[in-house]
C-alpha atoms as a PDB file:
ATOM      1  CA  MET A   1      -1.634 -31.960 -32.102  1.00  0.00           C
ATOM      2  CA  LEU A   2      -1.311 -31.496 -28.226  1.00  0.00           C
ATOM      3  CA  MET A   3       1.837 -28.699 -29.538  1.00  0.00           C
ATOM      4  CA  ALA A   4      -0.094 -27.039 -31.815  1.00  0.00           C
ATOM      5  CA  PHE A   5      -2.261 -26.077 -28.905  1.00  0.00           C
ATOM      6  CA  GLY A   6       0.601 -24.887 -26.771  1.00  0.00           C
ATOM      7  CA  CYS A   7       1.770 -22.634 -29.607  1.00  0.00           C
ATOM      8  CA  LEU A   8      -1.718 -21.693 -29.188  1.00  0.00           C
ATOM      9  CA  LEU A   9      -1.305 -20.845 -25.215  1.00  0.00           C
ATOM     10  CA  PHE A  10       1.761 -20.015 -25.477  1.00  0.00           C
ATOM     11  CA  ALA A  11       0.601 -16.893 -28.066  1.00  0.00           C
ATOM     12  CA  LYS A  12      -2.647 -16.231 -25.857  1.00  0.00           C
ATOM     13  CA  LEU A  13       0.658 -15.095 -23.208  1.00  0.00           C
ATOM     14  CA  ALA A  14       2.719 -13.598 -24.670  1.00  0.00           C
ATOM     15  CA  LEU A  15      -0.195 -11.004 -26.017  1.00  0.00           C
ATOM     16  CA  THR A  16      -1.157 -10.892 -22.717  1.00  0.00           C
ATOM     17  CA  ALA A  17       2.524 -10.625 -20.789  1.00  0.00           C
ATOM     18  CA  ARG A  18       3.204  -7.569 -18.683  1.00  0.00           C
ATOM     19  CA  THR A  19       6.778  -7.252 -19.120  1.00  0.00           C
ATOM     20  CA  LYS A  20       8.710  -7.177 -22.106  1.00  0.00           C
ATOM     21  CA  GLY A  21      10.577  -9.827 -21.202  1.00  0.00           C
ATOM     22  CA  ALA A  22       7.738 -12.734 -20.175  1.00  0.00           C
ATOM     23  CA  ARG A  23       6.424 -11.036 -23.577  1.00  0.00           C
ATOM     24  CA  TRP A  24       9.433 -12.406 -25.610  1.00  0.00           C
ATOM     25  CA  LEU A  25      10.051 -15.672 -23.532  1.00  0.00           C
ATOM     26  CA  TRP A  26       6.187 -16.605 -24.388  1.00  0.00           C
ATOM     27  CA  ALA A  27       6.438 -15.704 -27.801  1.00  0.00           C
ATOM     28  CA  THR A  28       9.980 -17.647 -28.493  1.00  0.00           C
ATOM     29  CA  LEU A  29       7.887 -20.870 -26.308  1.00  0.00           C
ATOM     30  CA  ALA A  30       4.982 -20.390 -28.803  1.00  0.00           C
ATOM     31  CA  GLY A  31       7.804 -20.133 -31.860  1.00  0.00           C
ATOM     32  CA  LEU A  32       9.375 -23.220 -30.993  1.00  0.00           C
ATOM     33  CA  ALA A  33       6.100 -25.140 -30.540  1.00  0.00           C
ATOM     34  CA  ALA A  34       5.102 -24.182 -34.048  1.00  0.00           C
ATOM     35  CA  PHE A  35       8.905 -25.240 -35.441  1.00  0.00           C
ATOM     36  CA  ASP A  36       8.475 -28.143 -34.003  1.00  0.00           C
ATOM     37  CA  VAL A  37       4.158 -28.637 -35.133  1.00  0.00           C
ATOM     38  CA  VAL A  38       6.202 -27.792 -38.793  1.00  0.00           C
ATOM     39  CA  PHE A  39       9.033 -30.244 -38.728  1.00  0.00           C
ATOM     40  CA  LEU A  40      10.222 -31.912 -36.437  1.00  0.00           C
ATOM     41  CA  VAL A  41       6.804 -34.378 -35.037  1.00  0.00           C
ATOM     42  CA  GLN A  42       5.783 -36.806 -38.051  1.00  0.00           C
ATOM     43  CA  GLY A  43       1.684 -36.228 -38.253  1.00  0.00           C
ATOM     44  CA  ARG A  44       0.193 -34.039 -40.345  1.00  0.00           C
ATOM     45  CA  THR A  45      -2.449 -33.191 -38.128  1.00  0.00           C
ATOM     46  CA  GLY A  46      -0.629 -30.908 -36.483  1.00  0.00           C
ATOM     47  CA  TYR A  47      -0.016 -29.336 -39.511  1.00  0.00           C
ATOM     48  CA  LEU A  48      -4.505 -28.189 -40.666  1.00  0.00           C
ATOM     49  CA  VAL A  49      -4.845 -27.601 -36.329  1.00  0.00           C
ATOM     50  CA  LEU A  50      -1.779 -24.716 -36.327  1.00  0.00           C
ATOM     51  CA  ALA A  51      -3.750 -23.291 -39.219  1.00  0.00           C
ATOM     52  CA  ALA A  52      -6.688 -23.527 -37.640  1.00  0.00           C
ATOM     53  CA  LEU A  53      -5.507 -21.799 -34.004  1.00  0.00           C
ATOM     54  CA  ILE A  54      -3.412 -18.454 -35.933  1.00  0.00           C
ATOM     55  CA  GLY A  55      -6.570 -18.099 -38.006  1.00  0.00           C
ATOM     56  CA  LEU A  56      -8.213 -18.189 -34.354  1.00  0.00           C
ATOM     57  CA  VAL A  57      -6.190 -15.542 -33.190  1.00  0.00           C
ATOM     58  CA  LEU A  58      -5.638 -13.233 -35.508  1.00  0.00           C
ATOM     59  CA  PHE A  59      -9.685 -13.749 -35.932  1.00  0.00           C
ATOM     60  CA  GLU A  60     -10.330 -12.165 -32.669  1.00  0.00           C
ATOM     61  CA  ARG A  61      -7.499  -9.675 -32.922  1.00  0.00           C
ATOM     62  CA  LEU A  62      -8.549  -7.794 -36.569  1.00  0.00           C
ATOM     63  CA  ARG A  63     -11.638  -9.429 -37.789  1.00  0.00           C
ATOM     64  CA  TRP A  64     -12.301 -10.939 -41.058  1.00  0.00           C
ATOM     65  CA  LYS A  65      -9.359  -9.016 -41.572  1.00  0.00           C
ATOM     66  CA  GLY A  66      -7.439 -10.903 -39.528  1.00  0.00           C
ATOM     67  CA  VAL A  67      -9.074 -13.673 -41.637  1.00  0.00           C
ATOM     68  CA  ALA A  68      -6.893 -12.296 -44.454  1.00  0.00           C
ATOM     69  CA  ALA A  69      -4.192 -11.915 -42.713  1.00  0.00           C
ATOM     70  CA  ALA A  70      -3.648 -15.437 -41.368  1.00  0.00           C
ATOM     71  CA  VAL A  71      -4.304 -16.863 -44.893  1.00  0.00           C
ATOM     72  CA  LEU A  72      -1.039 -15.257 -45.796  1.00  0.00           C
ATOM     73  CA  ILE A  73       0.832 -16.117 -43.363  1.00  0.00           C
ATOM     74  CA  VAL A  74       0.151 -19.807 -43.696  1.00  0.00           C
ATOM     75  CA  GLY A  75      -0.027 -19.762 -47.252  1.00  0.00           C
ATOM     76  CA  VAL A  76       3.863 -18.593 -47.130  1.00  0.00           C
ATOM     77  CA  GLY A  77       5.152 -20.007 -43.885  1.00  0.00           C
ATOM     78  CA  PHE A  78       3.704 -23.664 -45.321  1.00  0.00           C
ATOM     79  CA  ALA A  79       5.469 -23.100 -48.753  1.00  0.00           C
ATOM     80  CA  ALA A  80       8.782 -21.960 -47.172  1.00  0.00           C
ATOM     81  CA  ALA A  81       8.725 -25.143 -45.632  1.00  0.00           C
ATOM     82  CA  TYR A  82       7.522 -26.748 -48.515  1.00  0.00           C
ATOM     83  CA  GLU A  83      10.844 -25.376 -50.452  1.00  0.00           C
ATOM     84  CA  PHE A  84      13.179 -25.920 -47.406  1.00  0.00           C
ATOM     85  CA  SER A  85      12.392 -28.978 -45.579  1.00  0.00           C
ATOM     86  CA  ASP A  86      12.657 -32.089 -47.028  1.00  0.00           C
ATOM     87  CA  SER A  87      10.941 -33.882 -44.503  1.00  0.00           C
ATOM     88  CA  PHE A  88       7.720 -31.284 -44.445  1.00  0.00           C
ATOM     89  CA  ARG A  89       8.213 -31.968 -48.172  1.00  0.00           C
ATOM     90  CA  GLY A  90       8.082 -35.645 -48.203  1.00  0.00           C
ATOM     91  CA  ARG A  91       5.333 -35.597 -46.022  1.00  0.00           C
ATOM     92  CA  ILE A  92       3.076 -33.680 -47.955  1.00  0.00           C
ATOM     93  CA  SER A  93       4.304 -35.547 -50.708  1.00  0.00           C
ATOM     94  CA  ARG A  94       3.357 -38.645 -49.379  1.00  0.00           C
ATOM     95  CA  VAL A  95      -0.034 -37.865 -49.197  1.00  0.00           C
ATOM     96  CA  GLU A  96      -0.856 -37.577 -53.002  1.00  0.00           C
ATOM     97  CA  SER A  97       1.226 -40.906 -54.011  1.00  0.00           C
ATOM     98  CA  GLU A  98      -0.534 -43.107 -51.421  1.00  0.00           C
ATOM     99  CA  ALA A  99      -3.756 -42.116 -52.261  1.00  0.00           C
ATOM    100  CA  GLU A 100      -3.252 -42.276 -56.031  1.00  0.00           C
ATOM    101  CA  GLN A 101      -1.248 -45.637 -55.307  1.00  0.00           C
ATOM    102  CA  TRP A 102      -4.652 -46.989 -52.885  1.00  0.00           C
ATOM    103  CA  GLN A 103      -7.308 -49.429 -54.044  1.00  0.00           C
ATOM    104  CA  PRO A 104     -10.891 -50.494 -52.896  1.00  0.00           C
ATOM    105  CA  ASP A 105     -10.428 -53.837 -51.226  1.00  0.00           C
ATOM    106  CA  VAL A 106      -6.434 -54.420 -51.524  1.00  0.00           C
ATOM    107  CA  GLY A 107      -4.506 -54.618 -48.579  1.00  0.00           C
ATOM    108  CA  THR A 108      -2.183 -51.347 -48.360  1.00  0.00           C
ATOM    109  CA  ASN A 109       0.037 -50.404 -46.097  1.00  0.00           C
ATOM    110  CA  THR A 110       0.807 -46.886 -46.738  1.00  0.00           C
ATOM    111  CA  SER A 111      -0.418 -44.801 -44.187  1.00  0.00           C
ATOM    112  CA  VAL A 112      -2.710 -42.439 -46.096  1.00  0.00           C
ATOM    113  CA  GLY A 113      -4.384 -45.959 -47.801  1.00  0.00           C
ATOM    114  CA  ILE A 114      -4.900 -47.793 -44.440  1.00  0.00           C
ATOM    115  CA  ARG A 115      -6.537 -44.618 -43.183  1.00  0.00           C
ATOM    116  CA  LEU A 116      -8.779 -44.338 -46.723  1.00  0.00           C
ATOM    117  CA  GLU A 117      -9.694 -48.571 -46.545  1.00  0.00           C
ATOM    118  CA  PHE A 118     -10.547 -48.267 -42.433  1.00  0.00           C
ATOM    119  CA  TYR A 119     -13.133 -44.535 -43.691  1.00  0.00           C
ATOM    120  CA  ARG A 120     -14.336 -47.128 -46.491  1.00  0.00           C
ATOM    121  CA  ASN A 121     -15.207 -50.837 -44.426  1.00  0.00           C
ATOM    122  CA  THR A 122     -16.515 -47.614 -41.683  1.00  0.00           C
ATOM    123  CA  LEU A 123     -19.059 -46.583 -43.787  1.00  0.00           C
ATOM    124  CA  GLY A 124     -20.542 -49.923 -44.938  1.00  0.00           C
ATOM    125  CA  ILE A 125     -20.402 -50.787 -41.200  1.00  0.00           C
ATOM    126  CA  ILE A 126     -22.727 -47.360 -40.827  1.00  0.00           C
ATOM    127  CA  GLU A 127     -24.697 -47.842 -44.066  1.00  0.00           C
ATOM    128  CA  GLN A 128     -25.656 -50.895 -41.919  1.00  0.00           C
ATOM    129  CA  HIS A 129     -26.463 -49.584 -38.820  1.00  0.00           C
ATOM    130  CA  PRO A 130     -27.763 -46.268 -39.982  1.00  0.00           C
ATOM    131  CA  VAL A 131     -29.910 -45.791 -36.345  1.00  0.00           C
ATOM    132  CA  LEU A 132     -28.601 -47.306 -33.018  1.00  0.00           C
ATOM    133  CA  GLY A 133     -25.051 -48.979 -34.738  1.00  0.00           C
ATOM    134  CA  VAL A 134     -23.552 -51.774 -33.353  1.00  0.00           C
ATOM    135  CA  GLY A 135     -23.225 -50.917 -29.788  1.00  0.00           C
ATOM    136  CA  THR A 136     -20.290 -48.898 -27.536  1.00  0.00           C
ATOM    137  CA  GLY A 137     -17.339 -51.059 -27.854  1.00  0.00           C
ATOM    138  CA  GLY A 138     -18.381 -52.891 -30.862  1.00  0.00           C
ATOM    139  CA  PHE A 139     -16.993 -52.019 -33.406  1.00  0.00           C
ATOM    140  CA  ARG A 140     -13.801 -53.187 -33.581  1.00  0.00           C
ATOM    141  CA  GLU A 141     -15.927 -56.847 -34.507  1.00  0.00           C
ATOM    142  CA  ALA A 142     -17.720 -55.567 -36.654  1.00  0.00           C
ATOM    143  CA  TYR A 143     -14.442 -54.626 -38.686  1.00  0.00           C
ATOM    144  CA  ALA A 144     -13.667 -57.692 -38.030  1.00  0.00           C
ATOM    145  CA  GLN A 145     -16.447 -59.407 -39.519  1.00  0.00           C
ATOM    146  CA  ARG A 146     -15.873 -57.400 -43.039  1.00  0.00           C
ATOM    147  CA  VAL A 147     -12.857 -57.238 -43.228  1.00  0.00           C
ATOM    148  CA  GLN A 148     -12.751 -61.380 -42.585  1.00  0.00           C
ATOM    149  CA  GLY A 149     -11.346 -63.368 -45.107  1.00  0.00           C
ATOM    150  CA  THR A 150      -9.512 -60.290 -47.301  1.00  0.00           C
ATOM    151  CA  ALA A 151      -5.787 -58.709 -47.302  1.00  0.00           C
ATOM    152  CA  MET A 152      -7.201 -55.926 -45.404  1.00  0.00           C
ATOM    153  CA  GLN A 153      -6.056 -55.890 -41.568  1.00  0.00           C
ATOM    154  CA  PRO A 154      -8.999 -55.370 -38.511  1.00  0.00           C
ATOM    155  CA  THR A 155      -9.188 -52.025 -36.592  1.00  0.00           C
ATOM    156  CA  TYR A 156     -10.628 -50.476 -33.874  1.00  0.00           C
ATOM    157  CA  ASN A 157      -9.654 -47.301 -34.200  1.00  0.00           C
ATOM    158  CA  PRO A 158     -11.088 -46.414 -38.153  1.00  0.00           C
ATOM    159  CA  HIS A 159      -8.670 -42.758 -38.085  1.00  0.00           C
ATOM    160  CA  ASN A 160     -11.922 -40.412 -37.337  1.00  0.00           C
ATOM    161  CA  GLN A 161     -13.266 -39.742 -34.436  1.00  0.00           C
ATOM    162  CA  TYR A 162     -17.083 -39.098 -36.540  1.00  0.00           C
ATOM    163  CA  LEU A 163     -16.850 -42.543 -37.975  1.00  0.00           C
ATOM    164  CA  LEU A 164     -16.571 -44.388 -35.110  1.00  0.00           C
ATOM    165  CA  VAL A 165     -18.812 -42.911 -32.799  1.00  0.00           C
ATOM    166  CA  THR A 166     -21.251 -42.774 -35.910  1.00  0.00           C
ATOM    167  CA  ALA A 167     -21.105 -46.899 -36.428  1.00  0.00           C
ATOM    168  CA  GLN A 168     -21.202 -47.255 -32.349  1.00  0.00           C
ATOM    169  CA  LEU A 169     -24.180 -45.015 -31.953  1.00  0.00           C
ATOM    170  CA  GLY A 170     -25.633 -44.539 -35.171  1.00  0.00           C
ATOM    171  CA  ILE A 171     -26.973 -40.730 -36.030  1.00  0.00           C
ATOM    172  CA  ALA A 172     -27.787 -40.299 -33.080  1.00  0.00           C
ATOM    173  CA  GLY A 173     -24.501 -40.249 -31.270  1.00  0.00           C
ATOM    174  CA  LEU A 174     -22.826 -38.143 -34.109  1.00  0.00           C
ATOM    175  CA  ALA A 175     -24.925 -35.295 -33.633  1.00  0.00           C
ATOM    176  CA  LEU A 176     -24.459 -35.537 -29.728  1.00  0.00           C
ATOM    177  CA  LEU A 177     -20.881 -35.838 -29.745  1.00  0.00           C
ATOM    178  CA  LEU A 178     -21.211 -32.480 -32.503  1.00  0.00           C
ATOM    179  CA  LEU A 179     -23.766 -30.312 -29.880  1.00  0.00           C
ATOM    180  CA  ILE A 180     -20.676 -31.086 -27.683  1.00  0.00           C
ATOM    181  CA  PHE A 181     -18.339 -29.177 -29.479  1.00  0.00           C
ATOM    182  CA  VAL A 182     -21.380 -26.324 -30.835  1.00  0.00           C
ATOM    183  CA  GLN A 183     -22.602 -26.471 -27.111  1.00  0.00           C
ATOM    184  CA  GLN A 184     -18.340 -25.830 -25.785  1.00  0.00           C
ATOM    185  CA  TRP A 185     -18.460 -23.040 -28.784  1.00  0.00           C
ATOM    186  CA  ARG A 186     -21.280 -21.266 -27.301  1.00  0.00           C
ATOM    187  CA  CYS A 187     -20.062 -21.284 -23.936  1.00  0.00           C
ATOM    188  CA  ALA A 188     -16.974 -20.158 -24.684  1.00  0.00           C
ATOM    189  CA  SER A 189     -18.701 -16.510 -25.617  1.00  0.00           C
ATOM    190  CA  ARG A 190     -19.035 -16.714 -21.559  1.00  0.00           C
ATOM    191  CA  LEU A 191     -16.678 -17.021 -20.157  1.00  0.00           C
ATOM    192  CA  PRO A 192     -15.268 -13.674 -17.886  1.00  0.00           C
ATOM    193  CA  GLU A 193     -11.295 -13.985 -19.257  1.00  0.00           C
ATOM    194  CA  PRO A 194     -10.378 -13.171 -23.063  1.00  0.00           C
ATOM    195  CA  THR A 195      -7.606 -16.154 -22.694  1.00  0.00           C
ATOM    196  CA  TYR A 196      -9.940 -18.355 -21.013  1.00  0.00           C
ATOM    197  CA  ARG A 197     -12.213 -17.796 -24.573  1.00  0.00           C
ATOM    198  CA  THR A 198     -10.058 -18.010 -26.753  1.00  0.00           C
ATOM    199  CA  LEU A 199      -8.511 -21.729 -24.765  1.00  0.00           C
ATOM    200  CA  ALA A 200     -11.727 -22.584 -24.698  1.00  0.00           C
ATOM    201  CA  ARG A 201     -12.946 -22.223 -28.139  1.00  0.00           C
ATOM    202  CA  GLY A 202      -8.934 -23.148 -29.768  1.00  0.00           C
ATOM    203  CA  LEU A 203      -9.866 -26.687 -27.737  1.00  0.00           C
ATOM    204  CA  VAL A 204     -12.615 -26.392 -29.529  1.00  0.00           C
ATOM    205  CA  LEU A 205     -11.258 -26.107 -32.898  1.00  0.00           C
ATOM    206  CA  THR A 206      -8.425 -28.786 -32.133  1.00  0.00           C
ATOM    207  CA  PHE A 207     -10.266 -31.330 -31.843  1.00  0.00           C
ATOM    208  CA  VAL A 208     -13.567 -30.758 -33.677  1.00  0.00           C
ATOM    209  CA  ILE A 209      -9.850 -30.857 -36.429  1.00  0.00           C
ATOM    210  CA  ALA A 210      -7.999 -33.731 -34.935  1.00  0.00           C
ATOM    211  CA  SER A 211     -11.300 -35.870 -35.214  1.00  0.00           C
ATOM    212  CA  LEU A 212     -11.294 -35.556 -38.737  1.00  0.00           C
ATOM    213  CA  PHE A 213      -7.982 -37.225 -39.513  1.00  0.00           C
ATOM    214  CA  SER A 214      -7.954 -38.960 -36.207  1.00  0.00           C
ATOM    215  CA  SER A 215     -10.288 -40.709 -32.859  1.00  0.00           C
ATOM    216  CA  PRO A 216      -8.555 -38.592 -30.241  1.00  0.00           C
ATOM    217  CA  LEU A 217     -11.518 -39.234 -27.631  1.00  0.00           C
ATOM    218  CA  ILE A 218     -10.427 -43.092 -27.573  1.00  0.00           C
ATOM    219  CA  ASP A 219      -6.670 -42.184 -27.369  1.00  0.00           C
ATOM    220  CA  HIS A 220      -5.519 -41.733 -23.847  1.00  0.00           C
ATOM    221  CA  ALA A 221      -3.327 -37.937 -23.831  1.00  0.00           C
ATOM    222  CA  GLU A 222      -5.569 -37.033 -26.081  1.00  0.00           C
ATOM    223  CA  SER A 223      -8.187 -37.624 -24.460  1.00  0.00           C
ATOM    224  CA  VAL A 224      -7.133 -36.848 -20.849  1.00  0.00           C
ATOM    225  CA  PHE A 225      -6.324 -33.718 -21.992  1.00  0.00           C
ATOM    226  CA  PHE A 226      -9.568 -32.900 -23.816  1.00  0.00           C
ATOM    227  CA  ALA A 227     -12.216 -33.417 -20.446  1.00  0.00           C
ATOM    228  CA  TRP A 228      -9.409 -32.083 -17.969  1.00  0.00           C
ATOM    229  CA  LEU A 229      -8.795 -28.862 -19.649  1.00  0.00           C
ATOM    230  CA  SER A 230     -12.347 -28.962 -20.599  1.00  0.00           C
ATOM    231  CA  GLY A 231     -13.216 -28.705 -16.700  1.00  0.00           C
ATOM    232  CA  LEU A 232     -10.536 -26.145 -15.758  1.00  0.00           C
ATOM    233  CA  LEU A 233     -11.819 -23.435 -18.305  1.00  0.00           C
ATOM    234  CA  PHE A 234     -15.396 -23.840 -18.216  1.00  0.00           C
ATOM    235  CA  ALA A 235     -15.255 -24.160 -14.071  1.00  0.00           C
ATOM    236  CA  ALA A 236     -14.878 -20.093 -14.868  1.00  0.00           C
ATOM    237  CA  LEU A 237     -18.604 -20.291 -15.698  1.00  0.00           C
ATOM    238  CA  PRO A 238     -20.470 -17.422 -14.390  1.00  0.00           C
ATOM    239  CA  PRO A 239     -24.118 -19.130 -12.364  1.00  0.00           C
ATOM    240  CA  PRO A 240     -27.106 -18.573 -14.817  1.00  0.00           C
ATOM    241  CA  ALA A 241     -29.179 -15.941 -13.021  1.00  0.00           C
ATOM    242  CA  PRO A 242     -31.512 -16.843 -10.405  1.00  0.00           C
ATOM    243  CA  ALA A 243     -35.679 -16.762 -11.637  1.00  0.00           C
ATOM    244  CA  PRO A 244     -37.137 -13.499 -11.532  1.00  0.00           C
ATOM    245  CA  LEU A 245     -40.021 -14.750  -8.564  1.00  0.00           C
ATOM    246  CA  GLY A 246     -43.972 -14.076  -9.046  1.00  0.00           C
ATOM    247  CA  LYS A 247     -45.402 -11.513  -7.319  1.00  0.00           C
ATOM    248  CA  ASP A 248     -47.501 -14.841  -5.472  1.00  0.00           C
ATOM    249  CA  ALA A 249     -44.017 -15.554  -3.859  1.00  0.00           C
END
């Protein structure tokens, strides 16, 4: 996930570089970062984040033509990786096979199966506590009670940020999390520098997508990255205009 965002950063620096040498340097680093995400890193979430960030850059430069170009580039790139990379093909193929092997309420040790198990049990917790949730920090105990006496393993992390927040804080907590992302996306348009705007939107996209398959806001590196970069980027927001004075002021 972080390497995919690094690809966005390097690509944006390449597009705004003033010299040819700097442009080639940043473009090379962007290509290496993309190569790392597709061929070296084991996590599959990075594939989706990288595809979304490519679409963001092309949309900002070419609008809807950029979206079409992004679909073509990502489609061709991933098809080539699937054809010529055994590791990439194996990781994609395992998703389907492990999903087919998974059975509800039966313990599993596959990556996809465990996630489906986590999702199903967490949805059960949410169904029991939809309004207020089980409380901050209460997910581990609630999940342990749900799988007690079964072959399923307990966890503190259901690998889905949205489900985790809803289980602990209810529907209102989920609404507030989504509001954070929405407000950041809206504020990104007010940033004075185009590079800041792109990176801010890329940050939101990265965490919106990653939160579907992991809980990045409780992981140390990812949560610190989110807080630090949010502060760094949105510190450039211009102050609000002062309210006009009344006639009697």
